[in-house]
Amino acid sequence: MTSPFLQRLIRWRLLIVVNLLVILFLALTLGRELVRSRSIDAQIAALQAQADELSASTQEMLDLQTAMQTESFIEREARLKLGLKKPGETVVVIQEGTEEPVSDSGDAADPLGLVIDEGEAPVNLRAARLPNPFKWWYYFFDKSLYLSLLDYE
């Protein structure tokens, strides 16, 4: 026969162990739910940012559509891309940086002489097709040649 004190101590220990197991189970469940809640909040924030971005993009497209439907936009595009003009207007083309006058070669396909064959290209125009490392070399070591390259790009 065991003493009553020993029996009470065993019962209390058993109760304490059971309570600790329940508390541990509840803590693990709560921790898992907190992690899950934070990941859901992060997903919600990412989706909200994406929705805001799409909303801004949609607004830009609507603004562009509205601008494209205006008469002035249509007229400007017709003038620039199609070369159209209003009756009575004279079209003038101004080219910047022409150093020599354009020769009239009389060629029907190129009446202004603007097409340059590869063999006829000026030395500086051929140099404008240099790869970037060469351009950087000229930038640091031959500034005058680099500046002449900029004229042709």
C-alpha atoms as a PDB file:
ATOM      1  CA  MET A   1       0.000   0.000   0.000  1.00  0.00           C
ATOM      2  CA  THR A   2       1.285   3.401  -0.982  1.00  0.00           C
ATOM      3  CA  SER A   3       1.018   6.432   1.155  1.00  0.00           C
ATOM      4  CA  PRO A   4      -1.676   9.032   0.465  1.00  0.00           C
ATOM      5  CA  PHE A   5       0.938  11.748   0.013  1.00  0.00           C
ATOM      6  CA  LEU A   6       2.645   9.748  -2.704  1.00  0.00           C
ATOM      7  CA  GLN A   7      -0.654   9.129  -4.457  1.00  0.00           C
ATOM      8  CA  ARG A   8      -1.568  12.827  -4.369  1.00  0.00           C
ATOM      9  CA  LEU A   9       1.865  13.782  -5.716  1.00  0.00           C
ATOM     10  CA  ILE A  10       1.518  11.333  -8.621  1.00  0.00           C
ATOM     11  CA  ARG A  11      -1.947  12.697  -9.452  1.00  0.00           C
ATOM     12  CA  TRP A  12      -0.700  16.304  -9.401  1.00  0.00           C
ATOM     13  CA  ARG A  13       2.285  15.448 -11.578  1.00  0.00           C
ATOM     14  CA  LEU A  14       0.018  13.713 -14.053  1.00  0.00           C
ATOM     15  CA  LEU A  15      -2.271  16.753 -14.091  1.00  0.00           C
ATOM     16  CA  ILE A  16       0.679  19.098 -14.598  1.00  0.00           C
ATOM     17  CA  VAL A  17       2.041  16.987 -17.484  1.00  0.00           C
ATOM     18  CA  VAL A  18      -1.367  16.861 -19.154  1.00  0.00           C
ATOM     19  CA  ASN A  19      -1.775  20.633 -18.746  1.00  0.00           C
ATOM     20  CA  LEU A  20       1.713  21.247 -20.190  1.00  0.00           C
ATOM     21  CA  LEU A  21       0.904  19.071 -23.206  1.00  0.00           C
ATOM     22  CA  VAL A  22      -2.342  20.984 -23.813  1.00  0.00           C
ATOM     23  CA  ILE A  23      -0.552  24.330 -23.501  1.00  0.00           C
ATOM     24  CA  LEU A  24       2.190  23.168 -25.882  1.00  0.00           C
ATOM     25  CA  PHE A  25      -0.407  22.022 -28.415  1.00  0.00           C
ATOM     26  CA  LEU A  26      -2.265  25.350 -28.210  1.00  0.00           C
ATOM     27  CA  ALA A  27       0.998  27.334 -28.567  1.00  0.00           C
ATOM     28  CA  LEU A  28       2.013  25.382 -31.693  1.00  0.00           C
ATOM     29  CA  THR A  29      -1.415  25.856 -33.241  1.00  0.00           C
ATOM     30  CA  LEU A  30      -1.393  29.582 -32.459  1.00  0.00           C
ATOM     31  CA  GLY A  31       2.126  29.986 -33.906  1.00  0.00           C
ATOM     32  CA  ARG A  32       1.162  28.195 -37.114  1.00  0.00           C
ATOM     33  CA  GLU A  33      -1.912  30.402 -37.519  1.00  0.00           C
ATOM     34  CA  LEU A  34       0.151  33.564 -36.939  1.00  0.00           C
ATOM     35  CA  VAL A  35       2.631  32.546 -39.652  1.00  0.00           C
ATOM     36  CA  ARG A  36      -0.211  31.718 -42.007  1.00  0.00           C
ATOM     37  CA  SER A  37      -1.920  35.049 -41.247  1.00  0.00           C
ATOM     38  CA  ARG A  38       1.275  37.000 -42.013  1.00  0.00           C
ATOM     39  CA  SER A  39       1.785  35.190 -45.314  1.00  0.00           C
ATOM     40  CA  ILE A  40      -1.824  35.918 -46.289  1.00  0.00           C
ATOM     41  CA  ASP A  41      -1.319  39.597 -45.380  1.00  0.00           C
ATOM     42  CA  ALA A  42       1.813  39.702 -47.555  1.00  0.00           C
ATOM     43  CA  GLN A  43      -0.100  38.161 -50.461  1.00  0.00           C
ATOM     44  CA  ILE A  44      -2.911  40.673 -49.996  1.00  0.00           C
ATOM     45  CA  ALA A  45      -0.402  43.553 -50.039  1.00  0.00           C
ATOM     46  CA  ALA A  46       1.259  42.212 -53.214  1.00  0.00           C
ATOM     47  CA  LEU A  47      -2.097  41.771 -54.940  1.00  0.00           C
ATOM     48  CA  GLN A  48      -3.179  45.258 -53.867  1.00  0.00           C
ATOM     49  CA  ALA A  49       0.016  46.738 -55.321  1.00  0.00           C
ATOM     50  CA  GLN A  50      -0.571  44.814 -58.544  1.00  0.00           C
ATOM     51  CA  ALA A  51      -4.181  46.035 -58.658  1.00  0.00           C
ATOM     52  CA  ASP A  52      -3.008  49.641 -58.170  1.00  0.00           C
ATOM     53  CA  GLU A  53      -0.451  49.223 -60.951  1.00  0.00           C
ATOM     54  CA  LEU A  54      -3.071  47.796 -63.303  1.00  0.00           C
ATOM     55  CA  SER A  55      -5.452  50.597 -62.400  1.00  0.00           C
ATOM     56  CA  ALA A  56      -2.798  53.199 -63.239  1.00  0.00           C
ATOM     57  CA  SER A  57      -2.024  51.408 -66.500  1.00  0.00           C
ATOM     58  CA  THR A  58      -5.705  51.315 -67.399  1.00  0.00           C
ATOM     59  CA  GLN A  59      -6.014  55.025 -66.669  1.00  0.00           C
ATOM     60  CA  GLU A  60      -3.009  55.761 -68.901  1.00  0.00           C
ATOM     61  CA  MET A  61      -4.564  53.740 -71.718  1.00  0.00           C
ATOM     62  CA  LEU A  62      -7.868  55.573 -71.330  1.00  0.00           C
ATOM     63  CA  ASP A  63      -6.066  58.927 -71.414  1.00  0.00           C
ATOM     64  CA  LEU A  64      -4.145  57.853 -74.523  1.00  0.00           C
ATOM     65  CA  GLN A  65      -7.356  56.663 -76.172  1.00  0.00           C
ATOM     66  CA  THR A  66      -9.019  59.980 -75.402  1.00  0.00           C
ATOM     67  CA  ALA A  67      -6.011  61.890 -76.758  1.00  0.00           C
ATOM     68  CA  MET A  68      -5.914  59.758 -79.910  1.00  0.00           C
ATOM     69  CA  GLN A  69      -9.541  60.535 -80.655  1.00  0.00           C
ATOM     70  CA  THR A  70      -8.985  64.291 -80.725  1.00  0.00           C
ATOM     71  CA  GLU A  71      -8.888  66.038 -84.063  1.00  0.00           C
ATOM     72  CA  SER A  72      -5.543  67.714 -83.394  1.00  0.00           C
ATOM     73  CA  PHE A  73      -3.838  64.365 -82.675  1.00  0.00           C
ATOM     74  CA  ILE A  74      -5.210  62.787 -85.834  1.00  0.00           C
ATOM     75  CA  GLU A  75      -4.139  65.802 -87.893  1.00  0.00           C
ATOM     76  CA  ARG A  76      -0.643  65.826 -86.381  1.00  0.00           C
ATOM     77  CA  GLU A  77      -0.157  62.095 -87.010  1.00  0.00           C
ATOM     78  CA  ALA A  78      -1.383  62.472 -90.593  1.00  0.00           C
ATOM     79  CA  ARG A  79       1.119  65.269 -91.139  1.00  0.00           C
ATOM     80  CA  LEU A  80       4.067  63.466 -89.548  1.00  0.00           C
ATOM     81  CA  LYS A  81       3.562  59.868 -90.612  1.00  0.00           C
ATOM     82  CA  LEU A  82       1.672  60.193 -93.861  1.00  0.00           C
ATOM     83  CA  GLY A  83       3.162  63.453 -95.101  1.00  0.00           C
ATOM     84  CA  LEU A  84      -0.243  65.054 -95.628  1.00  0.00           C
ATOM     85  CA  LYS A  85      -0.798  68.791 -95.733  1.00  0.00           C
ATOM     86  CA  LYS A  86      -3.741  71.160 -95.829  1.00  0.00           C
ATOM     87  CA  PRO A  87      -4.684  72.802 -99.127  1.00  0.00           C
ATOM     88  CA  GLY A  88      -2.564  75.894 -99.731  1.00  0.00           C
ATOM     89  CA  GLU A  89       0.245  74.854 -97.328  1.00  0.00           C
ATOM     90  CA  THR A  90       3.842  74.420 -98.388  1.00  0.00           C
ATOM     91  CA  VAL A  91       5.936  71.689 -96.748  1.00  0.00           C
ATOM     92  CA  VAL A  92       9.490  72.635 -95.818  1.00  0.00           C
ATOM     93  CA  VAL A  93      12.004  70.072 -94.523  1.00  0.00           C
ATOM     94  CA  ILE A  94      14.864  71.484 -92.455  1.00  0.00           C
ATOM     95  CA  GLN A  95      17.889  69.285 -91.812  1.00  0.00           C
ATOM     96  CA  GLU A  96      20.374  70.222 -89.142  1.00  0.00           C
ATOM     97  CA  GLY A  97      24.114  69.786 -89.484  1.00  0.00           C
ATOM     98  CA  THR A  98      24.446  69.446 -93.255  1.00  0.00           C
ATOM     99  CA  GLU A  99      28.051  70.428 -93.985  1.00  0.00           C
ATOM    100  CA  GLU A 100      28.010  70.069 -97.740  1.00  0.00           C
ATOM    101  CA  PRO A 101      25.204  70.830-100.170  1.00  0.00           C
ATOM    102  CA  VAL A 102      23.209  67.880-101.396  1.00  0.00           C
ATOM    103  CA  SER A 103      24.216  67.050-104.930  1.00  0.00           C
ATOM    104  CA  ASP A 104      21.535  66.489-107.514  1.00  0.00           C
ATOM    105  CA  SER A 105      22.516  63.167-109.044  1.00  0.00           C
ATOM    106  CA  GLY A 106      19.468  63.057-111.271  1.00  0.00           C
ATOM    107  CA  ASP A 107      18.635  59.512-110.161  1.00  0.00           C
ATOM    108  CA  ALA A 108      14.870  58.936-110.370  1.00  0.00           C
ATOM    109  CA  ALA A 109      14.868  56.602-107.340  1.00  0.00           C
ATOM    110  CA  ASP A 110      16.900  59.064-105.230  1.00  0.00           C
ATOM    111  CA  PRO A 111      16.281  62.595-106.581  1.00  0.00           C
ATOM    112  CA  LEU A 112      17.811  64.314-103.539  1.00  0.00           C
ATOM    113  CA  GLY A 113      20.944  62.127-103.432  1.00  0.00           C
ATOM    114  CA  LEU A 114      20.299  61.019 -99.861  1.00  0.00           C
ATOM    115  CA  VAL A 115      21.090  57.322-100.322  1.00  0.00           C
ATOM    116  CA  ILE A 116      24.745  56.587 -99.545  1.00  0.00           C
ATOM    117  CA  ASP A 117      26.336  53.343-100.665  1.00  0.00           C
ATOM    118  CA  GLU A 118      28.695  51.610 -98.261  1.00  0.00           C
ATOM    119  CA  GLY A 119      31.667  52.333-100.522  1.00  0.00           C
ATOM    120  CA  GLU A 120      30.796  56.042-100.750  1.00  0.00           C
ATOM    121  CA  ALA A 121      30.286  56.617 -97.032  1.00  0.00           C
ATOM    122  CA  PRO A 122      32.501  59.308 -95.517  1.00  0.00           C
ATOM    123  CA  VAL A 123      35.211  58.117 -93.149  1.00  0.00           C
ATOM    124  CA  ASN A 124      33.463  59.609 -90.125  1.00  0.00           C
ATOM    125  CA  LEU A 125      30.146  57.949 -91.044  1.00  0.00           C
ATOM    126  CA  ARG A 126      31.872  54.567 -91.221  1.00  0.00           C
ATOM    127  CA  ALA A 127      33.454  55.296 -87.848  1.00  0.00           C
ATOM    128  CA  ALA A 128      29.987  55.960 -86.395  1.00  0.00           C
ATOM    129  CA  ARG A 129      29.305  52.237 -86.785  1.00  0.00           C
ATOM    130  CA  LEU A 130      32.174  51.371 -84.437  1.00  0.00           C
ATOM    131  CA  PRO A 131      31.505  49.105 -81.474  1.00  0.00           C
ATOM    132  CA  ASN A 132      31.126  50.792 -78.107  1.00  0.00           C
ATOM    133  CA  PRO A 133      34.590  49.877 -76.727  1.00  0.00           C
ATOM    134  CA  PHE A 134      36.211  51.773 -79.595  1.00  0.00           C
ATOM    135  CA  LYS A 135      33.933  54.749 -78.988  1.00  0.00           C
ATOM    136  CA  TRP A 136      34.975  54.777 -75.324  1.00  0.00           C
ATOM    137  CA  TRP A 137      38.639  54.623 -76.383  1.00  0.00           C
ATOM    138  CA  TYR A 138      38.121  57.659 -78.587  1.00  0.00           C
ATOM    139  CA  TYR A 139      36.193  59.389 -75.812  1.00  0.00           C
ATOM    140  CA  PHE A 140      39.175  59.166 -73.443  1.00  0.00           C
ATOM    141  CA  PHE A 141      42.117  59.376 -75.855  1.00  0.00           C
ATOM    142  CA  ASP A 142      40.980  61.206 -79.043  1.00  0.00           C
ATOM    143  CA  LYS A 143      38.285  63.700 -78.063  1.00  0.00           C
ATOM    144  CA  SER A 144      38.082  65.382 -81.475  1.00  0.00           C
ATOM    145  CA  LEU A 145      37.358  62.088 -83.270  1.00  0.00           C
ATOM    146  CA  TYR A 146      34.791  61.196 -80.604  1.00  0.00           C
ATOM    147  CA  LEU A 147      33.025  64.532 -81.102  1.00  0.00           C
ATOM    148  CA  SER A 148      32.948  63.968 -84.857  1.00  0.00           C
ATOM    149  CA  LEU A 149      31.374  60.557 -84.206  1.00  0.00           C
ATOM    150  CA  LEU A 150      28.619  62.252 -82.227  1.00  0.00           C
ATOM    151  CA  ASP A 151      27.739  64.394 -85.235  1.00  0.00           C
ATOM    152  CA  TYR A 152      26.809  61.291 -87.229  1.00  0.00           C
ATOM    153  CA  GLU A 153      24.810  59.405 -84.603  1.00  0.00           C
END
